């Protein structure tokens, strides 16, 4: 699972901080099979890119933990940073992502 910036750069979490998606496209484990376009108008704090950048900084050096620190929780934390759709804590919804 990953998240894209407004300029199309993909970010994912494999451990030891966030990683850019491969230059040839897709994510580290293969091609993107499904994507959900999210509306930047639903960002309630800062901008879309600021939310991603703040999360990237916060996750620097963090190691992968199968359940609590993974690609799903990384994307959820990005959405938390931007308070996407007014939901205060996406971490509780990371399993839905």
Protein backbone atom coordinates (compact mmCIF):
# COMPACT_ATOMS: atom_id res chain seq x y z
CA UNK A 1 0.00 0.00 0.00
CA UNK A 2 1.22 3.46 -0.79
CA UNK A 3 0.10 7.05 -1.20
CA UNK A 4 0.77 9.48 -4.04
CA UNK A 5 1.74 13.13 -3.81
CA UNK A 6 -0.09 15.76 -5.84
CA UNK A 7 2.74 15.53 -8.39
CA UNK A 8 2.35 11.76 -8.80
CA UNK A 9 5.29 10.58 -6.66
CA UNK A 10 4.39 7.35 -4.86
CA UNK A 11 5.44 6.73 -1.25
CA UNK A 12 5.33 3.47 0.67
CA UNK A 13 6.73 2.03 3.88
CA UNK A 14 9.01 -1.00 3.86
CA UNK A 15 10.84 -0.23 7.09
CA UNK A 16 13.55 2.22 8.09
CA UNK A 17 11.44 5.18 6.98
CA UNK A 18 9.27 5.92 3.97
CA UNK A 19 10.47 4.95 0.51
CA UNK A 20 9.72 6.31 -2.95
CA UNK A 21 7.97 3.91 -5.27
CA UNK A 22 10.18 2.31 -7.95
CA UNK A 23 11.01 4.49 -10.96
CA UNK A 24 9.60 1.89 -13.33
CA UNK A 25 6.19 2.25 -11.66
CA UNK A 26 4.15 0.31 -9.18
CA UNK A 27 5.26 -0.34 -5.62
CA UNK A 28 8.06 -2.48 -4.19
CA UNK A 29 6.06 -5.71 -4.32
CA UNK A 30 4.69 -5.27 -7.82
CA UNK A 31 2.25 -3.35 -9.97
CA UNK A 32 -0.58 -1.28 -8.53
CA UNK A 33 -3.69 -3.41 -8.80
CA UNK A 34 -6.18 -0.96 -7.35
CA UNK A 35 -6.17 2.67 -6.43
CA UNK A 36 -8.65 4.97 -4.77
CA UNK A 37 -8.61 8.60 -5.86
CA UNK A 38 -9.03 10.81 -2.79
CA UNK A 39 -10.24 14.38 -2.96
CA UNK A 40 -7.67 16.98 -1.81
CA UNK A 41 -10.60 19.28 -0.99
CA UNK A 42 -11.26 17.03 2.04
CA UNK A 43 -7.88 17.88 3.62
CA UNK A 44 -8.67 19.77 6.83
CA UNK A 45 -5.12 20.65 7.98
CA UNK A 46 -2.38 21.93 5.70
CA UNK A 47 -2.18 20.52 2.19
CA UNK A 48 -2.08 17.01 0.76
CA UNK A 49 1.67 17.18 0.19
CA UNK A 50 2.37 18.73 3.60
CA UNK A 51 0.56 15.82 5.26
CA UNK A 52 2.66 13.28 3.37
CA UNK A 53 5.92 15.18 4.02
CA UNK A 54 5.19 15.51 7.76
CA UNK A 55 4.56 11.76 7.97
CA UNK A 56 7.73 10.95 6.02
CA UNK A 57 9.74 13.01 8.53
CA UNK A 58 7.97 11.43 11.49
CA UNK A 59 8.60 7.90 10.21
CA UNK A 60 12.34 8.33 9.47
CA UNK A 61 14.26 5.47 11.02
CA UNK A 62 11.12 3.57 12.06
CA UNK A 63 11.35 -0.15 11.56
CA UNK A 64 8.64 -2.33 10.05
CA UNK A 65 6.39 -4.06 12.59
CA UNK A 66 3.99 -6.48 10.94
CA UNK A 67 0.80 -5.17 12.61
CA UNK A 68 1.49 -1.76 14.09
CA UNK A 69 4.09 -0.15 11.85
CA UNK A 70 3.48 -1.13 8.25
CA UNK A 71 2.40 0.29 4.90
CA UNK A 72 -1.24 0.49 6.01
CA UNK A 73 -0.46 2.43 9.18
CA UNK A 74 1.90 4.71 7.20
CA UNK A 75 -0.91 5.71 4.81
CA UNK A 76 -3.30 6.06 7.77
CA UNK A 77 -0.80 8.37 9.48
CA UNK A 78 -0.57 10.50 6.32
CA UNK A 79 -4.36 10.87 6.39
CA UNK A 80 -4.17 11.67 10.14
CA UNK A 81 -1.65 14.45 9.48
CA UNK A 82 -3.98 16.11 7.00
CA UNK A 83 -7.12 15.31 9.04
CA UNK A 84 -8.58 13.91 5.85
CA UNK A 85 -12.39 14.13 5.66
CA UNK A 86 -12.45 15.44 9.23
CA UNK A 87 -11.67 11.99 10.68
CA UNK A 88 -9.41 12.63 13.68
CA UNK A 89 -7.63 9.26 13.81
CA UNK A 90 -7.23 7.09 10.72
CA UNK A 91 -5.08 4.62 12.67
CA UNK A 92 -8.23 2.92 13.90
CA UNK A 93 -9.26 2.47 10.27
CA UNK A 94 -5.91 1.29 8.86
CA UNK A 95 -7.23 -2.26 8.51
CA UNK A 96 -9.91 -0.92 6.14
CA UNK A 97 -7.32 0.70 3.93
